[in-house]
Amino acid sequence: MAILVISVLPILFIYPFIQKHFAKG
């Protein structure tokens, strides 16, 4: 489960900063 969390965290950290551009982009 630690390996699974480590594999998911980078995308979870990056996505909120890019989310505002989704509709326009």
PDBML (XML) file of the C-alpha atoms, coordinates in Angstrom:
<?xml version="1.0" encoding="UTF-8" ?>
<PDBx:datablock datablockName="MODEL"
   xmlns:PDBx="http://pdbml.pdb.org/schema/pdbx-v50.xsd"
   xmlns:xsi="http://www.w3.org/2001/XMLSchema-instance"
   xsi:schemaLocation="http://pdbml.pdb.org/schema/pdbx-v50.xsd pdbx-v50.xsd">
   <PDBx:atom_siteCategory>
      <PDBx:atom_site id="1">
         <PDBx:B_iso_or_equiv>0.00</PDBx:B_iso_or_equiv>
         <PDBx:Cartn_x>0.000</PDBx:Cartn_x>
         <PDBx:Cartn_y>0.000</PDBx:Cartn_y>
         <PDBx:Cartn_z>0.000</PDBx:Cartn_z>
         <PDBx:auth_asym_id>A</PDBx:auth_asym_id>
         <PDBx:auth_atom_id>CA</PDBx:auth_atom_id>
         <PDBx:auth_comp_id>MET</PDBx:auth_comp_id>
         <PDBx:auth_seq_id>1</PDBx:auth_seq_id>
         <PDBx:group_PDB>ATOM</PDBx:group_PDB>
         <PDBx:label_alt_id xsi:nil="true" />
         <PDBx:label_asym_id>A</PDBx:label_asym_id>
         <PDBx:label_atom_id>CA</PDBx:label_atom_id>
         <PDBx:label_comp_id>MET</PDBx:label_comp_id>
         <PDBx:label_entity_id>1</PDBx:label_entity_id>
         <PDBx:label_seq_id>1</PDBx:label_seq_id>
         <PDBx:occupancy>1.00</PDBx:occupancy>
         <PDBx:pdbx_PDB_model_num>1</PDBx:pdbx_PDB_model_num>
         <PDBx:type_symbol>C</PDBx:type_symbol>
      </PDBx:atom_site>
      <PDBx:atom_site id="2">
         <PDBx:B_iso_or_equiv>0.00</PDBx:B_iso_or_equiv>
         <PDBx:Cartn_x>2.946</PDBx:Cartn_x>
         <PDBx:Cartn_y>2.361</PDBx:Cartn_y>
         <PDBx:Cartn_z>0.560</PDBx:Cartn_z>
         <PDBx:auth_asym_id>A</PDBx:auth_asym_id>
         <PDBx:auth_atom_id>CA</PDBx:auth_atom_id>
         <PDBx:auth_comp_id>ALA</PDBx:auth_comp_id>
         <PDBx:auth_seq_id>2</PDBx:auth_seq_id>
         <PDBx:group_PDB>ATOM</PDBx:group_PDB>
         <PDBx:label_alt_id xsi:nil="true" />
         <PDBx:label_asym_id>A</PDBx:label_asym_id>
         <PDBx:label_atom_id>CA</PDBx:label_atom_id>
         <PDBx:label_comp_id>ALA</PDBx:label_comp_id>
         <PDBx:label_entity_id>1</PDBx:label_entity_id>
         <PDBx:label_seq_id>2</PDBx:label_seq_id>
         <PDBx:occupancy>1.00</PDBx:occupancy>
         <PDBx:pdbx_PDB_model_num>1</PDBx:pdbx_PDB_model_num>
         <PDBx:type_symbol>C</PDBx:type_symbol>
      </PDBx:atom_site>
      <PDBx:atom_site id="3">
         <PDBx:B_iso_or_equiv>0.00</PDBx:B_iso_or_equiv>
         <PDBx:Cartn_x>4.110</PDBx:Cartn_x>
         <PDBx:Cartn_y>1.709</PDBx:Cartn_y>
         <PDBx:Cartn_z>-3.011</PDBx:Cartn_z>
         <PDBx:auth_asym_id>A</PDBx:auth_asym_id>
         <PDBx:auth_atom_id>CA</PDBx:auth_atom_id>
         <PDBx:auth_comp_id>ILE</PDBx:auth_comp_id>
         <PDBx:auth_seq_id>3</PDBx:auth_seq_id>
         <PDBx:group_PDB>ATOM</PDBx:group_PDB>
         <PDBx:label_alt_id xsi:nil="true" />
         <PDBx:label_asym_id>A</PDBx:label_asym_id>
         <PDBx:label_atom_id>CA</PDBx:label_atom_id>
         <PDBx:label_comp_id>ILE</PDBx:label_comp_id>
         <PDBx:label_entity_id>1</PDBx:label_entity_id>
         <PDBx:label_seq_id>3</PDBx:label_seq_id>
         <PDBx:occupancy>1.00</PDBx:occupancy>
         <PDBx:pdbx_PDB_model_num>1</PDBx:pdbx_PDB_model_num>
         <PDBx:type_symbol>C</PDBx:type_symbol>
      </PDBx:atom_site>
      <PDBx:atom_site id="4">
         <PDBx:B_iso_or_equiv>0.00</PDBx:B_iso_or_equiv>
         <PDBx:Cartn_x>0.571</PDBx:Cartn_x>
         <PDBx:Cartn_y>2.366</PDBx:Cartn_y>
         <PDBx:Cartn_z>-4.241</PDBx:Cartn_z>
         <PDBx:auth_asym_id>A</PDBx:auth_asym_id>
         <PDBx:auth_atom_id>CA</PDBx:auth_atom_id>
         <PDBx:auth_comp_id>LEU</PDBx:auth_comp_id>
         <PDBx:auth_seq_id>4</PDBx:auth_seq_id>
         <PDBx:group_PDB>ATOM</PDBx:group_PDB>
         <PDBx:label_alt_id xsi:nil="true" />
         <PDBx:label_asym_id>A</PDBx:label_asym_id>
         <PDBx:label_atom_id>CA</PDBx:label_atom_id>
         <PDBx:label_comp_id>LEU</PDBx:label_comp_id>
         <PDBx:label_entity_id>1</PDBx:label_entity_id>
         <PDBx:label_seq_id>4</PDBx:label_seq_id>
         <PDBx:occupancy>1.00</PDBx:occupancy>
         <PDBx:pdbx_PDB_model_num>1</PDBx:pdbx_PDB_model_num>
         <PDBx:type_symbol>C</PDBx:type_symbol>
      </PDBx:atom_site>
      <PDBx:atom_site id="5">
         <PDBx:B_iso_or_equiv>0.00</PDBx:B_iso_or_equiv>
         <PDBx:Cartn_x>0.346</PDBx:Cartn_x>
         <PDBx:Cartn_y>5.685</PDBx:Cartn_y>
         <PDBx:Cartn_z>-2.369</PDBx:Cartn_z>
         <PDBx:auth_asym_id>A</PDBx:auth_asym_id>
         <PDBx:auth_atom_id>CA</PDBx:auth_atom_id>
         <PDBx:auth_comp_id>VAL</PDBx:auth_comp_id>
         <PDBx:auth_seq_id>5</PDBx:auth_seq_id>
         <PDBx:group_PDB>ATOM</PDBx:group_PDB>
         <PDBx:label_alt_id xsi:nil="true" />
         <PDBx:label_asym_id>A</PDBx:label_asym_id>
         <PDBx:label_atom_id>CA</PDBx:label_atom_id>
         <PDBx:label_comp_id>VAL</PDBx:label_comp_id>
         <PDBx:label_entity_id>1</PDBx:label_entity_id>
         <PDBx:label_seq_id>5</PDBx:label_seq_id>
         <PDBx:occupancy>1.00</PDBx:occupancy>
         <PDBx:pdbx_PDB_model_num>1</PDBx:pdbx_PDB_model_num>
         <PDBx:type_symbol>C</PDBx:type_symbol>
      </PDBx:atom_site>
      <PDBx:atom_site id="6">
         <PDBx:B_iso_or_equiv>0.00</PDBx:B_iso_or_equiv>
         <PDBx:Cartn_x>3.743</PDBx:Cartn_x>
         <PDBx:Cartn_y>6.813</PDBx:Cartn_y>
         <PDBx:Cartn_z>-3.684</PDBx:Cartn_z>
         <PDBx:auth_asym_id>A</PDBx:auth_asym_id>
         <PDBx:auth_atom_id>CA</PDBx:auth_atom_id>
         <PDBx:auth_comp_id>ILE</PDBx:auth_comp_id>
         <PDBx:auth_seq_id>6</PDBx:auth_seq_id>
         <PDBx:group_PDB>ATOM</PDBx:group_PDB>
         <PDBx:label_alt_id xsi:nil="true" />
         <PDBx:label_asym_id>A</PDBx:label_asym_id>
         <PDBx:label_atom_id>CA</PDBx:label_atom_id>
         <PDBx:label_comp_id>ILE</PDBx:label_comp_id>
         <PDBx:label_entity_id>1</PDBx:label_entity_id>
         <PDBx:label_seq_id>6</PDBx:label_seq_id>
         <PDBx:occupancy>1.00</PDBx:occupancy>
         <PDBx:pdbx_PDB_model_num>1</PDBx:pdbx_PDB_model_num>
         <PDBx:type_symbol>C</PDBx:type_symbol>
      </PDBx:atom_site>
      <PDBx:atom_site id="7">
         <PDBx:B_iso_or_equiv>0.00</PDBx:B_iso_or_equiv>
         <PDBx:Cartn_x>2.667</PDBx:Cartn_x>
         <PDBx:Cartn_y>6.050</PDBx:Cartn_y>
         <PDBx:Cartn_z>-7.246</PDBx:Cartn_z>
         <PDBx:auth_asym_id>A</PDBx:auth_asym_id>
         <PDBx:auth_atom_id>CA</PDBx:auth_atom_id>
         <PDBx:auth_comp_id>SER</PDBx:auth_comp_id>
         <PDBx:auth_seq_id>7</PDBx:auth_seq_id>
         <PDBx:group_PDB>ATOM</PDBx:group_PDB>
         <PDBx:label_alt_id xsi:nil="true" />
         <PDBx:label_asym_id>A</PDBx:label_asym_id>
         <PDBx:label_atom_id>CA</PDBx:label_atom_id>
         <PDBx:label_comp_id>SER</PDBx:label_comp_id>
         <PDBx:label_entity_id>1</PDBx:label_entity_id>
         <PDBx:label_seq_id>7</PDBx:label_seq_id>
         <PDBx:occupancy>1.00</PDBx:occupancy>
         <PDBx:pdbx_PDB_model_num>1</PDBx:pdbx_PDB_model_num>
         <PDBx:type_symbol>C</PDBx:type_symbol>
      </PDBx:atom_site>
      <PDBx:atom_site id="8">
         <PDBx:B_iso_or_equiv>0.00</PDBx:B_iso_or_equiv>
         <PDBx:Cartn_x>-0.518</PDBx:Cartn_x>
         <PDBx:Cartn_y>8.150</PDBx:Cartn_y>
         <PDBx:Cartn_z>-6.907</PDBx:Cartn_z>
         <PDBx:auth_asym_id>A</PDBx:auth_asym_id>
         <PDBx:auth_atom_id>CA</PDBx:auth_atom_id>
         <PDBx:auth_comp_id>VAL</PDBx:auth_comp_id>
         <PDBx:auth_seq_id>8</PDBx:auth_seq_id>
         <PDBx:group_PDB>ATOM</PDBx:group_PDB>
         <PDBx:label_alt_id xsi:nil="true" />
         <PDBx:label_asym_id>A</PDBx:label_asym_id>
         <PDBx:label_atom_id>CA</PDBx:label_atom_id>
         <PDBx:label_comp_id>VAL</PDBx:label_comp_id>
         <PDBx:label_entity_id>1</PDBx:label_entity_id>
         <PDBx:label_seq_id>8</PDBx:label_seq_id>
         <PDBx:occupancy>1.00</PDBx:occupancy>
         <PDBx:pdbx_PDB_model_num>1</PDBx:pdbx_PDB_model_num>
         <PDBx:type_symbol>C</PDBx:type_symbol>
      </PDBx:atom_site>
      <PDBx:atom_site id="9">
         <PDBx:B_iso_or_equiv>0.00</PDBx:B_iso_or_equiv>
         <PDBx:Cartn_x>0.717</PDBx:Cartn_x>
         <PDBx:Cartn_y>11.186</PDBx:Cartn_y>
         <PDBx:Cartn_z>-4.952</PDBx:Cartn_z>
         <PDBx:auth_asym_id>A</PDBx:auth_asym_id>
         <PDBx:auth_atom_id>CA</PDBx:auth_atom_id>
         <PDBx:auth_comp_id>LEU</PDBx:auth_comp_id>
         <PDBx:auth_seq_id>9</PDBx:auth_seq_id>
         <PDBx:group_PDB>ATOM</PDBx:group_PDB>
         <PDBx:label_alt_id xsi:nil="true" />
         <PDBx:label_asym_id>A</PDBx:label_asym_id>
         <PDBx:label_atom_id>CA</PDBx:label_atom_id>
         <PDBx:label_comp_id>LEU</PDBx:label_comp_id>
         <PDBx:label_entity_id>1</PDBx:label_entity_id>
         <PDBx:label_seq_id>9</PDBx:label_seq_id>
         <PDBx:occupancy>1.00</PDBx:occupancy>
         <PDBx:pdbx_PDB_model_num>1</PDBx:pdbx_PDB_model_num>
         <PDBx:type_symbol>C</PDBx:type_symbol>
      </PDBx:atom_site>
      <PDBx:atom_site id="10">
         <PDBx:B_iso_or_equiv>0.00</PDBx:B_iso_or_equiv>
         <PDBx:Cartn_x>2.629</PDBx:Cartn_x>
         <PDBx:Cartn_y>13.007</PDBx:Cartn_y>
         <PDBx:Cartn_z>-7.755</PDBx:Cartn_z>
         <PDBx:auth_asym_id>A</PDBx:auth_asym_id>
         <PDBx:auth_atom_id>CA</PDBx:auth_atom_id>
         <PDBx:auth_comp_id>PRO</PDBx:auth_comp_id>
         <PDBx:auth_seq_id>10</PDBx:auth_seq_id>
         <PDBx:group_PDB>ATOM</PDBx:group_PDB>
         <PDBx:label_alt_id xsi:nil="true" />
         <PDBx:label_asym_id>A</PDBx:label_asym_id>
         <PDBx:label_atom_id>CA</PDBx:label_atom_id>
         <PDBx:label_comp_id>PRO</PDBx:label_comp_id>
         <PDBx:label_entity_id>1</PDBx:label_entity_id>
         <PDBx:label_seq_id>10</PDBx:label_seq_id>
         <PDBx:occupancy>1.00</PDBx:occupancy>
         <PDBx:pdbx_PDB_model_num>1</PDBx:pdbx_PDB_model_num>
         <PDBx:type_symbol>C</PDBx:type_symbol>
      </PDBx:atom_site>
      <PDBx:atom_site id="11">
         <PDBx:B_iso_or_equiv>0.00</PDBx:B_iso_or_equiv>
         <PDBx:Cartn_x>-0.459</PDBx:Cartn_x>
         <PDBx:Cartn_y>13.229</PDBx:Cartn_y>
         <PDBx:Cartn_z>-9.974</PDBx:Cartn_z>
         <PDBx:auth_asym_id>A</PDBx:auth_asym_id>
         <PDBx:auth_atom_id>CA</PDBx:auth_atom_id>
         <PDBx:auth_comp_id>ILE</PDBx:auth_comp_id>
         <PDBx:auth_seq_id>11</PDBx:auth_seq_id>
         <PDBx:group_PDB>ATOM</PDBx:group_PDB>
         <PDBx:label_alt_id xsi:nil="true" />
         <PDBx:label_asym_id>A</PDBx:label_asym_id>
         <PDBx:label_atom_id>CA</PDBx:label_atom_id>
         <PDBx:label_comp_id>ILE</PDBx:label_comp_id>
         <PDBx:label_entity_id>1</PDBx:label_entity_id>
         <PDBx:label_seq_id>11</PDBx:label_seq_id>
         <PDBx:occupancy>1.00</PDBx:occupancy>
         <PDBx:pdbx_PDB_model_num>1</PDBx:pdbx_PDB_model_num>
         <PDBx:type_symbol>C</PDBx:type_symbol>
      </PDBx:atom_site>
      <PDBx:atom_site id="12">
         <PDBx:B_iso_or_equiv>0.00</PDBx:B_iso_or_equiv>
         <PDBx:Cartn_x>-2.607</PDBx:Cartn_x>
         <PDBx:Cartn_y>14.327</PDBx:Cartn_y>
         <PDBx:Cartn_z>-7.021</PDBx:Cartn_z>
         <PDBx:auth_asym_id>A</PDBx:auth_asym_id>
         <PDBx:auth_atom_id>CA</PDBx:auth_atom_id>
         <PDBx:auth_comp_id>LEU</PDBx:auth_comp_id>
         <PDBx:auth_seq_id>12</PDBx:auth_seq_id>
         <PDBx:group_PDB>ATOM</PDBx:group_PDB>
         <PDBx:label_alt_id xsi:nil="true" />
         <PDBx:label_asym_id>A</PDBx:label_asym_id>
         <PDBx:label_atom_id>CA</PDBx:label_atom_id>
         <PDBx:label_comp_id>LEU</PDBx:label_comp_id>
         <PDBx:label_entity_id>1</PDBx:label_entity_id>
         <PDBx:label_seq_id>12</PDBx:label_seq_id>
         <PDBx:occupancy>1.00</PDBx:occupancy>
         <PDBx:pdbx_PDB_model_num>1</PDBx:pdbx_PDB_model_num>
         <PDBx:type_symbol>C</PDBx:type_symbol>
      </PDBx:atom_site>
      <PDBx:atom_site id="13">
         <PDBx:B_iso_or_equiv>0.00</PDBx:B_iso_or_equiv>
         <PDBx:Cartn_x>-0.163</PDBx:Cartn_x>
         <PDBx:Cartn_y>17.138</PDBx:Cartn_y>
         <PDBx:Cartn_z>-6.260</PDBx:Cartn_z>
         <PDBx:auth_asym_id>A</PDBx:auth_asym_id>
         <PDBx:auth_atom_id>CA</PDBx:auth_atom_id>
         <PDBx:auth_comp_id>PHE</PDBx:auth_comp_id>
         <PDBx:auth_seq_id>13</PDBx:auth_seq_id>
         <PDBx:group_PDB>ATOM</PDBx:group_PDB>
         <PDBx:label_alt_id xsi:nil="true" />
         <PDBx:label_asym_id>A</PDBx:label_asym_id>
         <PDBx:label_atom_id>CA</PDBx:label_atom_id>
         <PDBx:label_comp_id>PHE</PDBx:label_comp_id>
         <PDBx:label_entity_id>1</PDBx:label_entity_id>
         <PDBx:label_seq_id>13</PDBx:label_seq_id>
         <PDBx:occupancy>1.00</PDBx:occupancy>
         <PDBx:pdbx_PDB_model_num>1</PDBx:pdbx_PDB_model_num>
         <PDBx:type_symbol>C</PDBx:type_symbol>
      </PDBx:atom_site>
      <PDBx:atom_site id="14">
         <PDBx:B_iso_or_equiv>0.00</PDBx:B_iso_or_equiv>
         <PDBx:Cartn_x>0.095</PDBx:Cartn_x>
         <PDBx:Cartn_y>18.363</PDBx:Cartn_y>
         <PDBx:Cartn_z>-9.861</PDBx:Cartn_z>
         <PDBx:auth_asym_id>A</PDBx:auth_asym_id>
         <PDBx:auth_atom_id>CA</PDBx:auth_atom_id>
         <PDBx:auth_comp_id>ILE</PDBx:auth_comp_id>
         <PDBx:auth_seq_id>14</PDBx:auth_seq_id>
         <PDBx:group_PDB>ATOM</PDBx:group_PDB>
         <PDBx:label_alt_id xsi:nil="true" />
         <PDBx:label_asym_id>A</PDBx:label_asym_id>
         <PDBx:label_atom_id>CA</PDBx:label_atom_id>
         <PDBx:label_comp_id>ILE</PDBx:label_comp_id>
         <PDBx:label_entity_id>1</PDBx:label_entity_id>
         <PDBx:label_seq_id>14</PDBx:label_seq_id>
         <PDBx:occupancy>1.00</PDBx:occupancy>
         <PDBx:pdbx_PDB_model_num>1</PDBx:pdbx_PDB_model_num>
         <PDBx:type_symbol>C</PDBx:type_symbol>
      </PDBx:atom_site>
      <PDBx:atom_site id="15">
         <PDBx:B_iso_or_equiv>0.00</PDBx:B_iso_or_equiv>
         <PDBx:Cartn_x>-3.578</PDBx:Cartn_x>
         <PDBx:Cartn_y>18.139</PDBx:Cartn_y>
         <PDBx:Cartn_z>-10.856</PDBx:Cartn_z>
         <PDBx:auth_asym_id>A</PDBx:auth_asym_id>
         <PDBx:auth_atom_id>CA</PDBx:auth_atom_id>
         <PDBx:auth_comp_id>TYR</PDBx:auth_comp_id>
         <PDBx:auth_seq_id>15</PDBx:auth_seq_id>
         <PDBx:group_PDB>ATOM</PDBx:group_PDB>
         <PDBx:label_alt_id xsi:nil="true" />
         <PDBx:label_asym_id>A</PDBx:label_asym_id>
         <PDBx:label_atom_id>CA</PDBx:label_atom_id>
         <PDBx:label_comp_id>TYR</PDBx:label_comp_id>
         <PDBx:label_entity_id>1</PDBx:label_entity_id>
         <PDBx:label_seq_id>15</PDBx:label_seq_id>
         <PDBx:occupancy>1.00</PDBx:occupancy>
         <PDBx:pdbx_PDB_model_num>1</PDBx:pdbx_PDB_model_num>
         <PDBx:type_symbol>C</PDBx:type_symbol>
      </PDBx:atom_site>
      <PDBx:atom_site id="16">
         <PDBx:B_iso_or_equiv>0.00</PDBx:B_iso_or_equiv>
         <PDBx:Cartn_x>-4.954</PDBx:Cartn_x>
         <PDBx:Cartn_y>20.985</PDBx:Cartn_y>
         <PDBx:Cartn_z>-8.627</PDBx:Cartn_z>
         <PDBx:auth_asym_id>A</PDBx:auth_asym_id>
         <PDBx:auth_atom_id>CA</PDBx:auth_atom_id>
         <PDBx:auth_comp_id>PRO</PDBx:auth_comp_id>
         <PDBx:auth_seq_id>16</PDBx:auth_seq_id>
         <PDBx:group_PDB>ATOM</PDBx:group_PDB>
         <PDBx:label_alt_id xsi:nil="true" />
         <PDBx:label_asym_id>A</PDBx:label_asym_id>
         <PDBx:label_atom_id>CA</PDBx:label_atom_id>
         <PDBx:label_comp_id>PRO</PDBx:label_comp_id>
         <PDBx:label_entity_id>1</PDBx:label_entity_id>
         <PDBx:label_seq_id>16</PDBx:label_seq_id>
         <PDBx:occupancy>1.00</PDBx:occupancy>
         <PDBx:pdbx_PDB_model_num>1</PDBx:pdbx_PDB_model_num>
         <PDBx:type_symbol>C</PDBx:type_symbol>
      </PDBx:atom_site>
      <PDBx:atom_site id="17">
         <PDBx:B_iso_or_equiv>0.00</PDBx:B_iso_or_equiv>
         <PDBx:Cartn_x>-2.562</PDBx:Cartn_x>
         <PDBx:Cartn_y>23.491</PDBx:Cartn_y>
         <PDBx:Cartn_z>-10.224</PDBx:Cartn_z>
         <PDBx:auth_asym_id>A</PDBx:auth_asym_id>
         <PDBx:auth_atom_id>CA</PDBx:auth_atom_id>
         <PDBx:auth_comp_id>PHE</PDBx:auth_comp_id>
         <PDBx:auth_seq_id>17</PDBx:auth_seq_id>
         <PDBx:group_PDB>ATOM</PDBx:group_PDB>
         <PDBx:label_alt_id xsi:nil="true" />
         <PDBx:label_asym_id>A</PDBx:label_asym_id>
         <PDBx:label_atom_id>CA</PDBx:label_atom_id>
         <PDBx:label_comp_id>PHE</PDBx:label_comp_id>
         <PDBx:label_entity_id>1</PDBx:label_entity_id>
         <PDBx:label_seq_id>17</PDBx:label_seq_id>
         <PDBx:occupancy>1.00</PDBx:occupancy>
         <PDBx:pdbx_PDB_model_num>1</PDBx:pdbx_PDB_model_num>
         <PDBx:type_symbol>C</PDBx:type_symbol>
      </PDBx:atom_site>
      <PDBx:atom_site id="18">
         <PDBx:B_iso_or_equiv>0.00</PDBx:B_iso_or_equiv>
         <PDBx:Cartn_x>-3.634</PDBx:Cartn_x>
         <PDBx:Cartn_y>22.509</PDBx:Cartn_y>
         <PDBx:Cartn_z>-13.762</PDBx:Cartn_z>
         <PDBx:auth_asym_id>A</PDBx:auth_asym_id>
         <PDBx:auth_atom_id>CA</PDBx:auth_atom_id>
         <PDBx:auth_comp_id>ILE</PDBx:auth_comp_id>
         <PDBx:auth_seq_id>18</PDBx:auth_seq_id>
         <PDBx:group_PDB>ATOM</PDBx:group_PDB>
         <PDBx:label_alt_id xsi:nil="true" />
         <PDBx:label_asym_id>A</PDBx:label_asym_id>
         <PDBx:label_atom_id>CA</PDBx:label_atom_id>
         <PDBx:label_comp_id>ILE</PDBx:label_comp_id>
         <PDBx:label_entity_id>1</PDBx:label_entity_id>
         <PDBx:label_seq_id>18</PDBx:label_seq_id>
         <PDBx:occupancy>1.00</PDBx:occupancy>
         <PDBx:pdbx_PDB_model_num>1</PDBx:pdbx_PDB_model_num>
         <PDBx:type_symbol>C</PDBx:type_symbol>
      </PDBx:atom_site>
      <PDBx:atom_site id="19">
         <PDBx:B_iso_or_equiv>0.00</PDBx:B_iso_or_equiv>
         <PDBx:Cartn_x>-7.356</PDBx:Cartn_x>
         <PDBx:Cartn_y>22.040</PDBx:Cartn_y>
         <PDBx:Cartn_z>-13.103</PDBx:Cartn_z>
         <PDBx:auth_asym_id>A</PDBx:auth_asym_id>
         <PDBx:auth_atom_id>CA</PDBx:auth_atom_id>
         <PDBx:auth_comp_id>GLN</PDBx:auth_comp_id>
         <PDBx:auth_seq_id>19</PDBx:auth_seq_id>
         <PDBx:group_PDB>ATOM</PDBx:group_PDB>
         <PDBx:label_alt_id xsi:nil="true" />
         <PDBx:label_asym_id>A</PDBx:label_asym_id>
         <PDBx:label_atom_id>CA</PDBx:label_atom_id>
         <PDBx:label_comp_id>GLN</PDBx:label_comp_id>
         <PDBx:label_entity_id>1</PDBx:label_entity_id>
         <PDBx:label_seq_id>19</PDBx:label_seq_id>
         <PDBx:occupancy>1.00</PDBx:occupancy>
         <PDBx:pdbx_PDB_model_num>1</PDBx:pdbx_PDB_model_num>
         <PDBx:type_symbol>C</PDBx:type_symbol>
      </PDBx:atom_site>
      <PDBx:atom_site id="20">
         <PDBx:B_iso_or_equiv>0.00</PDBx:B_iso_or_equiv>
         <PDBx:Cartn_x>-8.262</PDBx:Cartn_x>
         <PDBx:Cartn_y>25.687</PDBx:Cartn_y>
         <PDBx:Cartn_z>-13.734</PDBx:Cartn_z>
         <PDBx:auth_asym_id>A</PDBx:auth_asym_id>
         <PDBx:auth_atom_id>CA</PDBx:auth_atom_id>
         <PDBx:auth_comp_id>LYS</PDBx:auth_comp_id>
         <PDBx:auth_seq_id>20</PDBx:auth_seq_id>
         <PDBx:group_PDB>ATOM</PDBx:group_PDB>
         <PDBx:label_alt_id xsi:nil="true" />
         <PDBx:label_asym_id>A</PDBx:label_asym_id>
         <PDBx:label_atom_id>CA</PDBx:label_atom_id>
         <PDBx:label_comp_id>LYS</PDBx:label_comp_id>
         <PDBx:label_entity_id>1</PDBx:label_entity_id>
         <PDBx:label_seq_id>20</PDBx:label_seq_id>
         <PDBx:occupancy>1.00</PDBx:occupancy>
         <PDBx:pdbx_PDB_model_num>1</PDBx:pdbx_PDB_model_num>
         <PDBx:type_symbol>C</PDBx:type_symbol>
      </PDBx:atom_site>
      <PDBx:atom_site id="21">
         <PDBx:B_iso_or_equiv>0.00</PDBx:B_iso_or_equiv>
         <PDBx:Cartn_x>-6.958</PDBx:Cartn_x>
         <PDBx:Cartn_y>25.398</PDBx:Cartn_y>
         <PDBx:Cartn_z>-17.310</PDBx:Cartn_z>
         <PDBx:auth_asym_id>A</PDBx:auth_asym_id>
         <PDBx:auth_atom_id>CA</PDBx:auth_atom_id>
         <PDBx:auth_comp_id>HIS</PDBx:auth_comp_id>
         <PDBx:auth_seq_id>21</PDBx:auth_seq_id>
         <PDBx:group_PDB>ATOM</PDBx:group_PDB>
         <PDBx:label_alt_id xsi:nil="true" />
         <PDBx:label_asym_id>A</PDBx:label_asym_id>
         <PDBx:label_atom_id>CA</PDBx:label_atom_id>
         <PDBx:label_comp_id>HIS</PDBx:label_comp_id>
         <PDBx:label_entity_id>1</PDBx:label_entity_id>
         <PDBx:label_seq_id>21</PDBx:label_seq_id>
         <PDBx:occupancy>1.00</PDBx:occupancy>
         <PDBx:pdbx_PDB_model_num>1</PDBx:pdbx_PDB_model_num>
         <PDBx:type_symbol>C</PDBx:type_symbol>
      </PDBx:atom_site>
      <PDBx:atom_site id="22">
         <PDBx:B_iso_or_equiv>0.00</PDBx:B_iso_or_equiv>
         <PDBx:Cartn_x>-8.994</PDBx:Cartn_x>
         <PDBx:Cartn_y>22.311</PDBx:Cartn_y>
         <PDBx:Cartn_z>-18.256</PDBx:Cartn_z>
         <PDBx:auth_asym_id>A</PDBx:auth_asym_id>
         <PDBx:auth_atom_id>CA</PDBx:auth_atom_id>
         <PDBx:auth_comp_id>PHE</PDBx:auth_comp_id>
         <PDBx:auth_seq_id>22</PDBx:auth_seq_id>
         <PDBx:group_PDB>ATOM</PDBx:group_PDB>
         <PDBx:label_alt_id xsi:nil="true" />
         <PDBx:label_asym_id>A</PDBx:label_asym_id>
         <PDBx:label_atom_id>CA</PDBx:label_atom_id>
         <PDBx:label_comp_id>PHE</PDBx:label_comp_id>
         <PDBx:label_entity_id>1</PDBx:label_entity_id>
         <PDBx:label_seq_id>22</PDBx:label_seq_id>
         <PDBx:occupancy>1.00</PDBx:occupancy>
         <PDBx:pdbx_PDB_model_num>1</PDBx:pdbx_PDB_model_num>
         <PDBx:type_symbol>C</PDBx:type_symbol>
      </PDBx:atom_site>
      <PDBx:atom_site id="23">
         <PDBx:B_iso_or_equiv>0.00</PDBx:B_iso_or_equiv>
         <PDBx:Cartn_x>-12.191</PDBx:Cartn_x>
         <PDBx:Cartn_y>23.985</PDBx:Cartn_y>
         <PDBx:Cartn_z>-19.453</PDBx:Cartn_z>
         <PDBx:auth_asym_id>A</PDBx:auth_asym_id>
         <PDBx:auth_atom_id>CA</PDBx:auth_atom_id>
         <PDBx:auth_comp_id>ALA</PDBx:auth_comp_id>
         <PDBx:auth_seq_id>23</PDBx:auth_seq_id>
         <PDBx:group_PDB>ATOM</PDBx:group_PDB>
         <PDBx:label_alt_id xsi:nil="true" />
         <PDBx:label_asym_id>A</PDBx:label_asym_id>
         <PDBx:label_atom_id>CA</PDBx:label_atom_id>
         <PDBx:label_comp_id>ALA</PDBx:label_comp_id>
         <PDBx:label_entity_id>1</PDBx:label_entity_id>
         <PDBx:label_seq_id>23</PDBx:label_seq_id>
         <PDBx:occupancy>1.00</PDBx:occupancy>
         <PDBx:pdbx_PDB_model_num>1</PDBx:pdbx_PDB_model_num>
         <PDBx:type_symbol>C</PDBx:type_symbol>
      </PDBx:atom_site>
      <PDBx:atom_site id="24">
         <PDBx:B_iso_or_equiv>0.00</PDBx:B_iso_or_equiv>
         <PDBx:Cartn_x>-10.426</PDBx:Cartn_x>
         <PDBx:Cartn_y>26.698</PDBx:Cartn_y>
         <PDBx:Cartn_z>-21.435</PDBx:Cartn_z>
         <PDBx:auth_asym_id>A</PDBx:auth_asym_id>
         <PDBx:auth_atom_id>CA</PDBx:auth_atom_id>
         <PDBx:auth_comp_id>LYS</PDBx:auth_comp_id>
         <PDBx:auth_seq_id>24</PDBx:auth_seq_id>
         <PDBx:group_PDB>ATOM</PDBx:group_PDB>
         <PDBx:label_alt_id xsi:nil="true" />
         <PDBx:label_asym_id>A</PDBx:label_asym_id>
         <PDBx:label_atom_id>CA</PDBx:label_atom_id>
         <PDBx:label_comp_id>LYS</PDBx:label_comp_id>
         <PDBx:label_entity_id>1</PDBx:label_entity_id>
         <PDBx:label_seq_id>24</PDBx:label_seq_id>
         <PDBx:occupancy>1.00</PDBx:occupancy>
         <PDBx:pdbx_PDB_model_num>1</PDBx:pdbx_PDB_model_num>
         <PDBx:type_symbol>C</PDBx:type_symbol>
      </PDBx:atom_site>
      <PDBx:atom_site id="25">
         <PDBx:B_iso_or_equiv>0.00</PDBx:B_iso_or_equiv>
         <PDBx:Cartn_x>-7.671</PDBx:Cartn_x>
         <PDBx:Cartn_y>24.489</PDBx:Cartn_y>
         <PDBx:Cartn_z>-22.770</PDBx:Cartn_z>
         <PDBx:auth_asym_id>A</PDBx:auth_asym_id>
         <PDBx:auth_atom_id>CA</PDBx:auth_atom_id>
         <PDBx:auth_comp_id>GLY</PDBx:auth_comp_id>
         <PDBx:auth_seq_id>25</PDBx:auth_seq_id>
         <PDBx:group_PDB>ATOM</PDBx:group_PDB>
         <PDBx:label_alt_id xsi:nil="true" />
         <PDBx:label_asym_id>A</PDBx:label_asym_id>
         <PDBx:label_atom_id>CA</PDBx:label_atom_id>
         <PDBx:label_comp_id>GLY</PDBx:label_comp_id>
         <PDBx:label_entity_id>1</PDBx:label_entity_id>
         <PDBx:label_seq_id>25</PDBx:label_seq_id>
         <PDBx:occupancy>1.00</PDBx:occupancy>
         <PDBx:pdbx_PDB_model_num>1</PDBx:pdbx_PDB_model_num>
         <PDBx:type_symbol>C</PDBx:type_symbol>
      </PDBx:atom_site>
   </PDBx:atom_siteCategory>
</PDBx:datablock>
